[in-house]
Amino acid sequence: MTNTSTAASETPLKIGYVPTSFPRDMVEVNQFAEHAILGQILEPLVDADRFGNMTPGLAKNWNVSSDGRTLTFDLFPDRVFSTGKSITSKDIVYSLTRHLHGGSQSRNFLTSIESIAVNGPNGLTIKLKEPNVAILKALTRDHLGIVPDGWVFDPKSDEPIIGSGAYRLVRKSGKWLLVINEKFPQKEKISIPQWELVFFSPEGSGVLGAPLPDYAPLITQQGRDDLESEFKKKGIPVEIKEQLSFVQTSLWWYPHGERYRSAEDKARIMGFLSDLVEARCEQTKCKRATGIVPVGIAGYLPEPLKIVTTHKHVEKKIKVRLAAMGVLFDFLFEGKTAAEIAAKHNLEFEFFTFSPANLKDLTVKKPDVVMGSWAGGFNDPEGFLPLLNQLLATDFVKFLEDLAPLYQKARTEQNWTKRAELFREFNERLVKEQRMVPGWKIPMYSVRRPNLKEEEIGFRYTPRLINVKKGK
């Protein structure tokens, strides 16, 4: 068991890297590194293990009706928030309703919910407008962790987020810390009582800040290389391990751009982008994504589709505006290769980046094509596709136009084998009809000091620090 009096005096280990937009109200959170911290503070209604199996969260059991439209939950009767307040079904209703009624990223996954009702202090009923076989997985999101009924985010508070997870988020001497939650029922399993958050510097740049973290789970290859270099400069040993990852990139027509309704321009531009990504993948030895659904998730395409693009000369040169999330993709559009491939398609391009925290900027800048990367909200096709609502600033179903019926059929099919087949057909048509261009798969790594032992994350969306242990 952790000796909490001793723990309070220990120097906290450092976890990185966290966007400087954190902490903020979870209904505004849209970056994976923020989700990873929320997962330490909040607990969801239901959870998932590293194999992707559904496990209890705050609900000890649940039932889905035969028509797939009614879900009932029984809560653990003795669970409490870090403040000591008992957790009841009213807290669940309040927490989920905040996401449903706001601009939350998680709202994209909950649109099938018709109503959420209290059924006694420890009972809950969720009714759906239509069957949604992915709804339980959606409810495992850290983003949807439960807060007290009536809770309001206060950015000036030294403890702005109240939850029931293994850790509390507190500010001390200008630093943000995760400290052990004394009310957590499995606190004896917590090996590391305190963590100090290490932030990116500056926001959105991907530049590593100081000090160096003791543990950085699920970071990109660039982050891994930068960290490894810094540790070597200081002569500090470090261990690096590749993690199972579903993170990948893709390029989409932005429906508010100037050329969105020009079929001829779209064909040329998407041909250019497809050729460019293919060339860059060959140069960098990276693996090409096969579609919007990552390999390993139901509905994925086993191999990249061979899309033939013509390079015949077109009289009229056109200019295309491209936008990419973050600064990790600059290399794609820089240098001789990009210029040569653009010339083959008789076009020129303008490229700019945007921060994940400022997606609304795109509606003003109106690019023709937008490129993003994400790990998905959970490990199901529906954990990836609804995220496009925010990236494209439009309703994804309406964006699909004639493909919408196929998508709706896939997402409501309750037979898992048929559902996977329908999503595979949908995924294939998205690529073949050049509605989008698959980018590349992004490997993710953990970097840690040798004295730390981490869990295998597997199919769970984020790691749990309760499973990180100190070794000898």
Protein backbone atom coordinates (compact mmCIF):
# COMPACT_ATOMS: atom_id res chain seq x y z
CA MET A 1 0.00 0.00 0.00
CA THR A 2 1.22 3.52 -0.79
CA ASN A 3 2.33 5.53 2.22
CA THR A 4 0.61 8.80 1.39
CA SER A 5 2.44 10.86 4.01
CA THR A 6 5.74 9.82 2.45
CA ALA A 7 4.31 10.22 -1.05
CA ALA A 8 3.47 13.86 -0.46
CA SER A 9 7.13 14.66 0.17
CA GLU A 10 8.49 12.76 -2.84
CA THR A 11 9.72 14.65 -5.89
CA PRO A 12 7.11 14.00 -8.58
CA LEU A 13 8.06 12.18 -11.75
CA LYS A 14 7.49 14.11 -14.96
CA ILE A 15 5.06 13.10 -17.70
CA GLY A 16 5.09 14.73 -21.13
CA TYR A 17 4.21 16.21 -23.44
CA VAL A 18 0.95 18.07 -22.84
CA PRO A 19 -0.46 20.86 -25.07
CA THR A 20 -0.36 24.27 -23.38
CA SER A 21 -4.12 24.56 -23.97
CA PHE A 22 -4.54 22.16 -21.03
CA PRO A 23 -6.24 22.24 -18.59
CA ARG A 24 -9.52 23.35 -20.10
CA ASP A 25 -13.14 22.25 -20.00
CA MET A 26 -13.31 18.73 -21.41
CA VAL A 27 -16.09 19.73 -23.82
CA GLU A 28 -13.40 21.81 -25.60
CA VAL A 29 -10.65 19.19 -25.58
CA ASN A 30 -9.69 17.83 -29.02
CA GLN A 31 -6.08 16.65 -28.72
CA PHE A 32 -4.95 13.15 -27.84
CA ALA A 33 -2.37 14.29 -25.25
CA GLU A 34 -5.17 16.08 -23.38
CA HIS A 35 -7.33 12.94 -23.46
CA ALA A 36 -4.44 10.98 -21.96
CA ILE A 37 -4.36 13.27 -18.91
CA LEU A 38 -8.15 13.31 -18.55
CA GLY A 39 -8.01 9.51 -18.38
CA GLN A 40 -6.06 9.76 -15.12
CA ILE A 41 -8.52 12.19 -13.48
CA LEU A 42 -11.91 11.02 -14.75
CA GLU A 43 -13.62 7.65 -15.00
CA PRO A 44 -16.13 6.80 -17.74
CA LEU A 45 -19.47 5.08 -17.34
CA VAL A 46 -18.03 1.92 -18.92
CA ASP A 47 -14.41 1.12 -19.73
CA ALA A 48 -12.32 -1.11 -22.01
CA ASP A 49 -9.25 -3.23 -21.33
CA ARG A 50 -6.14 -3.37 -23.50
CA PHE A 51 -7.67 -6.18 -25.57
CA GLY A 52 -10.67 -4.00 -26.44
CA ASN A 53 -13.08 -5.90 -24.18
CA MET A 54 -15.78 -3.93 -22.39
CA THR A 55 -15.17 -3.71 -18.63
CA PRO A 56 -16.92 -1.96 -15.74
CA GLY A 57 -16.28 1.74 -15.24
CA LEU A 58 -18.61 3.49 -12.84
CA ALA A 59 -21.29 1.06 -14.03
CA LYS A 60 -20.92 -2.45 -12.62
CA ASN A 61 -23.16 -3.97 -15.30
CA TRP A 62 -25.34 -3.01 -18.29
CA ASN A 63 -27.85 -4.45 -20.70
CA VAL A 64 -28.75 -3.72 -24.34
CA SER A 65 -32.31 -4.42 -25.53
CA SER A 66 -32.94 -6.88 -28.37
CA ASP A 67 -33.72 -4.04 -30.80
CA GLY A 68 -30.46 -2.30 -29.89
CA ARG A 69 -32.17 0.95 -28.92
CA THR A 70 -32.34 0.85 -25.11
CA LEU A 71 -29.34 0.59 -22.78
CA THR A 72 -29.71 0.22 -19.01
CA PHE A 73 -26.89 0.60 -16.49
CA ASP A 74 -26.45 -0.22 -12.80
CA LEU A 75 -23.84 1.89 -11.01
CA PHE A 76 -21.56 0.77 -8.22
CA PRO A 77 -23.37 2.11 -5.13
CA ASP A 78 -20.25 3.01 -3.15
CA ARG A 79 -18.19 5.06 -5.63
CA VAL A 80 -17.29 8.65 -4.74
CA PHE A 81 -15.59 11.66 -6.33
CA SER A 82 -12.25 12.88 -4.99
CA THR A 83 -14.24 15.37 -2.87
CA GLY A 84 -15.99 12.51 -1.08
CA LYS A 85 -19.36 13.16 -2.76
CA SER A 86 -21.22 9.99 -3.75
CA ILE A 87 -21.54 9.30 -7.48
CA THR A 88 -25.15 8.88 -8.60
CA SER A 89 -27.00 8.54 -11.87
CA LYS A 90 -27.66 12.31 -11.83
CA ASP A 91 -23.92 12.89 -12.24
CA ILE A 92 -23.88 10.61 -15.29
CA VAL A 93 -26.82 12.39 -16.90
CA TYR A 94 -25.26 15.81 -16.24
CA SER A 95 -21.84 14.81 -17.59
CA LEU A 96 -23.08 13.21 -20.82
CA THR A 97 -25.65 15.95 -21.45
CA ARG A 98 -22.91 18.61 -21.31
CA HIS A 99 -21.28 16.94 -24.32
CA LEU A 100 -24.53 16.40 -26.18
CA HIS A 101 -25.65 20.02 -25.89
CA GLY A 102 -22.32 21.72 -26.59
CA GLY A 103 -19.62 21.79 -29.23
CA SER A 104 -17.81 18.82 -27.71
CA GLN A 105 -15.74 16.51 -29.88
CA SER A 106 -17.51 13.58 -28.20
CA ARG A 107 -20.88 14.87 -29.36
CA ASN A 108 -19.99 13.42 -32.76
CA PHE A 109 -20.13 9.92 -31.27
CA LEU A 110 -23.33 10.42 -29.28
CA THR A 111 -25.73 11.77 -31.92
CA SER A 112 -27.76 8.54 -31.87
CA ILE A 113 -28.81 9.23 -28.24
CA GLU A 114 -32.45 10.28 -27.96
CA SER A 115 -32.66 10.58 -24.16
CA ILE A 116 -30.78 9.87 -20.92
CA ALA A 117 -32.89 9.25 -17.84
CA VAL A 118 -32.30 8.58 -14.15
CA ASN A 119 -33.65 5.26 -12.89
CA GLY A 120 -33.16 5.68 -9.15
CA PRO A 121 -29.89 6.87 -7.55
CA ASN A 122 -27.82 4.07 -9.13
CA GLY A 123 -29.74 3.30 -12.30
CA LEU A 124 -29.58 4.86 -15.76
CA THR A 125 -31.46 4.38 -19.05
CA ILE A 126 -30.18 5.59 -22.43
CA LYS A 127 -32.58 5.44 -25.38
CA LEU A 128 -31.26 5.65 -28.94
CA LYS A 129 -32.87 7.04 -32.09
CA GLU A 130 -31.48 4.06 -34.00
CA PRO A 131 -29.38 0.98 -33.19
CA ASN A 132 -25.75 1.93 -32.62
CA VAL A 133 -23.49 -1.04 -31.98
CA ALA A 134 -20.54 1.28 -31.25
CA ILE A 135 -22.24 3.32 -28.52
CA LEU A 136 -20.75 1.34 -25.61
CA LYS A 137 -17.25 1.78 -27.03
CA ALA A 138 -17.96 5.48 -27.47
CA LEU A 139 -18.86 5.77 -23.79
CA THR A 140 -15.38 4.48 -22.80
CA ARG A 141 -13.74 7.71 -23.99
CA ASP A 142 -11.68 9.52 -21.34
CA HIS A 143 -13.27 12.66 -22.72
CA LEU A 144 -16.63 11.39 -21.41
CA GLY A 145 -15.38 10.84 -17.87
CA ILE A 146 -17.91 11.71 -15.18
CA VAL A 147 -17.93 14.96 -13.18
CA PRO A 148 -20.31 16.00 -10.36
CA ASP A 149 -23.80 17.24 -11.16
CA GLY A 150 -23.59 21.04 -11.53
CA TRP A 151 -19.79 21.14 -11.89
CA VAL A 152 -18.44 24.08 -13.89
CA PHE A 153 -14.89 24.44 -15.17
CA ASP A 154 -13.03 27.30 -13.46
CA PRO A 155 -9.68 28.13 -15.14
CA LYS A 156 -8.57 30.09 -12.06
CA SER A 157 -9.03 27.15 -9.72
CA ASP A 158 -6.05 25.19 -8.41
CA GLU A 159 -8.14 22.04 -8.92
CA PRO A 160 -10.30 22.84 -11.95
CA ILE A 161 -11.42 19.28 -12.80
CA ILE A 162 -13.16 17.03 -10.28
CA GLY A 163 -13.35 13.31 -11.03
CA SER A 164 -13.08 9.87 -9.46
CA GLY A 165 -9.96 8.55 -11.22
CA ALA A 166 -6.68 7.42 -9.72
CA TYR A 167 -5.28 10.97 -9.67
CA ARG A 168 -6.39 14.53 -8.97
CA LEU A 169 -5.18 17.47 -11.06
CA VAL A 170 -3.84 20.24 -8.83
CA ARG A 171 -1.73 23.36 -9.29
CA LYS A 172 1.10 23.95 -6.84
CA SER A 173 3.67 26.73 -7.08
CA GLY A 174 2.71 27.40 -10.68
CA LYS A 175 3.09 23.74 -11.74
CA TRP A 176 0.36 21.29 -12.69
CA LEU A 177 0.55 17.96 -10.86
CA LEU A 178 -1.31 14.69 -10.85
CA VAL A 179 -1.50 13.59 -7.21
CA ILE A 180 -2.97 10.41 -5.78
CA ASN A 181 -6.73 10.43 -5.23
CA GLU A 182 -7.18 9.20 -1.66
CA LYS A 183 -10.80 8.25 -2.43
CA PHE A 184 -9.88 5.95 -5.31
CA PRO A 185 -10.88 2.37 -4.38
CA GLN A 186 -7.70 0.81 -5.81
CA LYS A 187 -5.24 3.39 -4.50
CA GLU A 188 -3.04 0.62 -3.10
CA LYS A 189 -2.16 -0.28 -6.72
CA ILE A 190 -0.76 3.20 -7.43
CA SER A 191 3.03 2.93 -7.46
CA ILE A 192 3.79 6.55 -8.35
CA PRO A 193 1.92 9.05 -6.15
CA GLN A 194 2.74 12.25 -8.08
CA TRP A 195 3.41 13.33 -11.66
CA GLU A 196 4.36 16.78 -12.91
CA LEU A 197 2.96 17.71 -16.32
CA VAL A 198 5.55 18.77 -18.90
CA PHE A 199 4.19 20.93 -21.71
CA PHE A 200 5.04 21.50 -25.36
CA SER A 201 6.73 24.81 -26.06
CA PRO A 202 5.30 26.76 -27.79
CA GLU A 203 1.75 25.47 -28.32
CA GLY A 204 1.23 23.48 -31.48
CA SER A 205 4.87 23.68 -32.58
CA GLY A 206 5.79 20.16 -31.59
CA VAL A 207 8.96 21.60 -30.02
CA LEU A 208 9.89 19.84 -26.82
CA GLY A 209 9.97 21.90 -23.67
CA ALA A 210 12.05 21.60 -20.53
CA PRO A 211 12.47 19.73 -18.27
CA LEU A 212 12.81 16.30 -19.88
CA PRO A 213 10.01 13.91 -18.93
CA ASP A 214 10.55 10.66 -17.09
CA TYR A 215 7.78 9.10 -19.16
CA ALA A 216 6.31 10.15 -22.51
CA PRO A 217 3.67 7.67 -23.74
CA LEU A 218 2.51 7.53 -27.35
CA ILE A 219 4.60 10.19 -29.06
CA THR A 220 5.47 10.48 -32.75
CA GLN A 221 8.73 9.43 -34.34
CA GLN A 222 9.88 13.06 -34.45
CA GLY A 223 9.16 13.41 -30.74
CA ARG A 224 10.94 10.15 -30.06
CA ASP A 225 14.01 11.20 -32.04
CA ASP A 226 14.13 14.62 -30.38
CA LEU A 227 13.82 13.12 -26.90
CA GLU A 228 16.42 10.44 -27.58
CA SER A 229 18.83 13.13 -28.78
CA GLU A 230 18.27 15.26 -25.67
CA PHE A 231 18.78 12.33 -23.32
CA LYS A 232 22.00 11.37 -25.13
CA LYS A 233 23.34 14.93 -24.85
CA LYS A 234 22.88 14.75 -21.09
CA GLY A 235 24.25 11.21 -20.83
CA ILE A 236 20.97 9.93 -19.38
CA PRO A 237 19.87 6.35 -20.22
CA VAL A 238 16.44 5.98 -21.78
CA GLU A 239 14.27 3.13 -23.08
CA ILE A 240 12.17 3.43 -26.25
CA LYS A 241 9.41 1.10 -27.34
CA GLU A 242 7.02 1.18 -30.29
CA GLN A 243 3.38 1.02 -29.22
CA LEU A 244 0.38 -0.42 -31.03
CA SER A 245 -1.01 2.56 -32.92
CA PHE A 246 -3.95 3.36 -35.19
CA VAL A 247 -2.80 6.91 -35.86
CA GLN A 248 -2.72 7.86 -39.53
CA THR A 249 -3.15 10.82 -41.85
CA SER A 250 -5.63 11.53 -44.62
CA LEU A 251 -6.44 14.41 -46.99
CA TRP A 252 -10.00 15.55 -47.59
CA TRP A 253 -11.84 17.98 -49.81
CA TYR A 254 -12.81 20.93 -47.66
CA PRO A 255 -16.47 21.64 -48.47
CA HIS A 256 -16.11 25.40 -47.88
CA GLY A 257 -13.23 25.79 -50.35
CA GLU A 258 -13.43 27.59 -53.70
CA ARG A 259 -12.99 24.49 -55.88
CA TYR A 260 -15.26 22.10 -54.00
CA ARG A 261 -17.86 21.87 -56.78
CA SER A 262 -15.42 21.59 -59.69
CA ALA A 263 -15.18 17.92 -60.66
CA GLU A 264 -12.35 18.59 -63.14
CA ASP A 265 -10.23 20.52 -60.63
CA LYS A 266 -10.90 17.93 -57.92
CA ALA A 267 -9.66 15.10 -60.12
CA ARG A 268 -6.40 16.93 -60.89
CA ILE A 269 -5.77 18.00 -57.32
CA MET A 270 -6.51 14.63 -55.78
CA GLY A 271 -4.33 12.98 -58.41
CA PHE A 272 -1.50 15.33 -57.46
CA LEU A 273 -1.93 14.58 -53.76
CA SER A 274 -2.10 10.83 -54.28
CA ASP A 275 1.11 10.87 -56.35
CA LEU A 276 2.82 13.12 -53.80
CA VAL A 277 1.96 10.94 -50.81
CA GLU A 278 3.06 7.82 -52.72
CA ALA A 279 6.42 9.41 -53.58
CA ARG A 280 7.01 10.64 -50.04
CA CYS A 281 6.19 7.23 -48.60
CA GLU A 282 8.77 5.65 -50.88
CA GLN A 283 11.38 8.25 -49.91
CA THR A 284 10.81 7.96 -46.17
CA LYS A 285 10.07 4.21 -46.08
CA CYS A 286 6.82 4.90 -44.24
CA LYS A 287 3.74 2.70 -44.66
CA ARG A 288 0.89 4.05 -46.72
CA ALA A 289 -2.53 4.16 -45.09
CA THR A 290 -5.10 2.07 -46.97
CA GLY A 291 -8.17 4.18 -46.27
CA ILE A 292 -9.94 6.09 -43.55
CA VAL A 293 -10.32 3.00 -41.33
CA PRO A 294 -6.88 1.97 -40.02
CA VAL A 295 -5.54 -1.54 -40.55
CA GLY A 296 -6.67 -3.75 -37.66
CA ILE A 297 -10.07 -2.08 -37.20
CA ALA A 298 -13.25 -3.66 -38.60
CA GLY A 299 -13.82 -2.43 -42.16
CA TYR A 300 -10.17 -1.76 -43.04
CA LEU A 301 -8.66 -2.37 -46.49
CA PRO A 302 -5.78 -4.88 -46.27
CA GLU A 303 -3.71 -3.21 -49.00
CA PRO A 304 -3.56 0.29 -50.54
CA LEU A 305 -5.72 0.56 -53.65
CA LYS A 306 -3.95 1.23 -56.93
CA ILE A 307 -5.34 4.53 -58.16
CA VAL A 308 -4.25 5.50 -61.67
CA THR A 309 -3.68 9.24 -62.11
CA THR A 310 -2.97 10.78 -65.51
CA HIS A 311 -0.27 13.37 -66.10
CA LYS A 312 -1.52 14.67 -69.43
CA HIS A 313 -0.91 18.36 -69.93
CA VAL A 314 -3.83 20.59 -69.04
CA GLU A 315 -3.88 24.04 -70.62
CA LYS A 316 -5.12 25.95 -67.63
CA LYS A 317 -2.86 26.02 -64.58
CA ILE A 318 -4.74 26.10 -61.30
CA LYS A 319 -3.71 27.03 -57.79
CA VAL A 320 -4.75 24.94 -54.81
CA ARG A 321 -4.75 25.92 -51.12
CA LEU A 322 -3.73 23.13 -48.75
CA ALA A 323 -3.99 23.11 -44.95
CA ALA A 324 -2.41 20.61 -42.54
CA MET A 325 -2.99 20.05 -38.85
CA GLY A 326 0.17 20.84 -36.88
CA VAL A 327 3.71 21.17 -38.20
CA LEU A 328 4.65 17.51 -38.61
CA PHE A 329 3.63 17.37 -42.28
CA ASP A 330 5.56 20.34 -43.68
CA PHE A 331 8.00 17.99 -45.40
CA LEU A 332 5.25 16.62 -47.63
CA PHE A 333 4.85 19.93 -49.47
CA GLU A 334 8.45 21.15 -49.39
CA GLY A 335 11.36 20.64 -51.74
CA LYS A 336 11.96 19.40 -55.27
CA THR A 337 9.64 16.38 -55.20
CA ALA A 338 6.50 18.39 -54.43
CA ALA A 339 7.34 20.97 -57.11
CA GLU A 340 7.97 18.32 -59.78
CA ILE A 341 4.76 16.41 -59.11
CA ALA A 342 2.76 19.66 -59.04
CA ALA A 343 4.23 20.55 -62.45
CA LYS A 344 3.10 17.20 -63.88
CA HIS A 345 -0.45 18.07 -62.94
CA ASN A 346 0.00 21.68 -64.14
CA LEU A 347 -0.85 23.24 -60.82
CA GLU A 348 0.78 25.25 -58.07
CA PHE A 349 -0.09 25.19 -54.40
CA GLU A 350 -0.13 27.30 -51.29
CA PHE A 351 0.34 25.51 -47.98
CA PHE A 352 -0.39 26.56 -44.40
CA THR A 353 -0.75 24.85 -41.03
CA PHE A 354 -3.35 25.15 -38.31
CA SER A 355 -3.53 24.14 -34.65
CA PRO A 356 -5.91 21.35 -33.57
CA ALA A 357 -7.19 23.78 -30.94
CA ASN A 358 -8.17 26.29 -33.66
CA LEU A 359 -10.16 24.28 -36.18
CA LYS A 360 -12.60 27.16 -36.57
CA ASP A 361 -9.87 29.16 -38.33
CA LEU A 362 -10.34 26.95 -41.39
CA THR A 363 -13.83 28.30 -42.06
CA VAL A 364 -12.24 31.73 -42.53
CA LYS A 365 -9.17 30.67 -44.55
CA LYS A 366 -11.20 28.24 -46.70
CA PRO A 367 -8.54 25.83 -48.05
CA ASP A 368 -9.37 23.47 -50.90
CA VAL A 369 -7.93 20.44 -49.12
CA VAL A 370 -7.38 19.81 -45.43
CA MET A 371 -5.01 17.19 -44.00
CA GLY A 372 -5.35 15.83 -40.50
CA SER A 373 -4.15 12.98 -38.33
CA TRP A 374 -5.86 11.25 -35.46
CA ALA A 375 -5.92 8.04 -33.47
CA GLY A 376 -9.70 7.76 -33.49
CA GLY A 377 -12.00 8.26 -30.56
CA PHE A 378 -12.11 4.49 -29.91
CA ASN A 379 -11.20 1.38 -31.83
CA ASP A 380 -14.11 1.07 -34.23
CA PRO A 381 -14.88 2.70 -37.61
CA GLU A 382 -17.28 4.97 -35.74
CA GLY A 383 -14.35 6.08 -33.59
CA PHE A 384 -12.76 7.70 -36.67
CA LEU A 385 -15.43 8.84 -39.11
CA PRO A 386 -17.53 11.17 -36.91
CA LEU A 387 -14.38 13.17 -36.09
CA LEU A 388 -14.61 14.52 -39.63
CA ASN A 389 -17.61 16.62 -38.58
CA GLN A 390 -15.22 19.01 -36.88
CA LEU A 391 -12.29 18.74 -39.30
CA LEU A 392 -14.57 19.53 -42.27
CA ALA A 393 -16.83 21.95 -40.37
CA THR A 394 -19.92 20.24 -41.76
CA ASP A 395 -22.17 17.27 -41.10
CA PHE A 396 -20.23 14.27 -42.37
CA VAL A 397 -23.36 12.42 -43.50
CA LYS A 398 -24.40 15.37 -45.68
CA PHE A 399 -20.82 15.72 -46.92
CA LEU A 400 -20.99 12.13 -48.24
CA GLU A 401 -23.97 12.91 -50.49
CA ASP A 402 -24.66 9.72 -52.55
CA LEU A 403 -22.48 7.59 -50.22
CA ALA A 404 -24.54 8.53 -47.17
CA PRO A 405 -27.01 5.58 -47.44
CA LEU A 406 -24.14 3.06 -47.50
CA TYR A 407 -22.53 4.70 -44.47
CA GLN A 408 -25.81 4.74 -42.55
CA LYS A 409 -26.40 1.09 -43.36
CA ALA A 410 -22.91 0.14 -42.16
CA ARG A 411 -23.10 2.03 -38.89
CA THR A 412 -26.52 0.60 -37.89
CA GLU A 413 -25.90 -3.03 -38.96
CA GLN A 414 -25.95 -5.20 -35.82
CA ASN A 415 -24.35 -8.27 -37.38
CA TRP A 416 -20.62 -7.61 -36.88
CA THR A 417 -19.51 -9.62 -39.92
CA LYS A 418 -21.93 -7.80 -42.25
CA ARG A 419 -21.04 -4.51 -40.61
CA ALA A 420 -17.33 -5.00 -41.35
CA GLU A 421 -18.13 -5.88 -44.98
CA LEU A 422 -20.26 -2.76 -45.41
CA PHE A 423 -17.59 -0.52 -43.91
CA ARG A 424 -14.98 -2.12 -46.19
CA GLU A 425 -17.14 -1.33 -49.23
CA PHE A 426 -17.65 2.22 -47.98
CA ASN A 427 -13.93 2.63 -47.27
CA GLU A 428 -13.04 1.39 -50.77
CA ARG A 429 -15.45 3.75 -52.50
CA LEU A 430 -14.12 6.74 -50.55
CA VAL A 431 -10.67 6.03 -51.99
CA LYS A 432 -11.60 4.93 -55.52
CA GLU A 433 -13.91 7.89 -56.05
CA GLN A 434 -11.20 10.22 -54.70
CA ARG A 435 -13.39 11.62 -51.94
CA MET A 436 -10.21 11.51 -49.87
CA VAL A 437 -6.55 10.54 -50.26
CA PRO A 438 -5.09 8.11 -47.69
CA GLY A 439 -1.88 9.43 -46.17
CA TRP A 440 0.43 7.27 -44.10
CA LYS A 441 0.39 5.32 -40.88
CA ILE A 442 2.14 7.09 -38.02
CA PRO A 443 4.14 4.86 -35.67
CA MET A 444 3.91 5.87 -32.02
CA TYR A 445 6.44 5.28 -29.28
CA SER A 446 6.85 5.46 -25.53
CA VAL A 447 10.01 6.97 -24.09
CA ARG A 448 10.79 6.31 -20.44
CA ARG A 449 13.52 6.10 -17.85
CA PRO A 450 14.81 2.53 -17.40
CA ASN A 451 13.51 2.35 -13.82
CA LEU A 452 9.89 2.61 -14.99
CA LYS A 453 7.78 -0.31 -16.15
CA GLU A 454 4.75 0.50 -18.30
CA GLU A 455 1.68 -1.45 -19.29
CA GLU A 456 0.96 -2.73 -22.77
CA ILE A 457 -1.66 -0.25 -23.97
CA GLY A 458 -3.10 -2.45 -26.71
CA PHE A 459 -6.58 -1.52 -27.92
CA ARG A 460 -7.37 0.93 -25.14
CA TYR A 461 -7.39 4.54 -26.33
CA THR A 462 -4.96 5.92 -23.73
CA PRO A 463 -2.52 4.55 -21.12
CA ARG A 464 -3.32 4.43 -17.41
CA LEU A 465 -0.62 5.76 -15.07
CA ILE A 466 -1.90 3.47 -12.33
CA ASN A 467 -0.24 0.68 -14.34
CA VAL A 468 3.16 2.38 -14.53
CA LYS A 469 5.42 0.98 -11.85
CA LYS A 470 8.81 1.86 -10.42
CA GLY A 471 11.39 -0.87 -10.95
CA LYS A 472 14.80 -1.38 -9.41
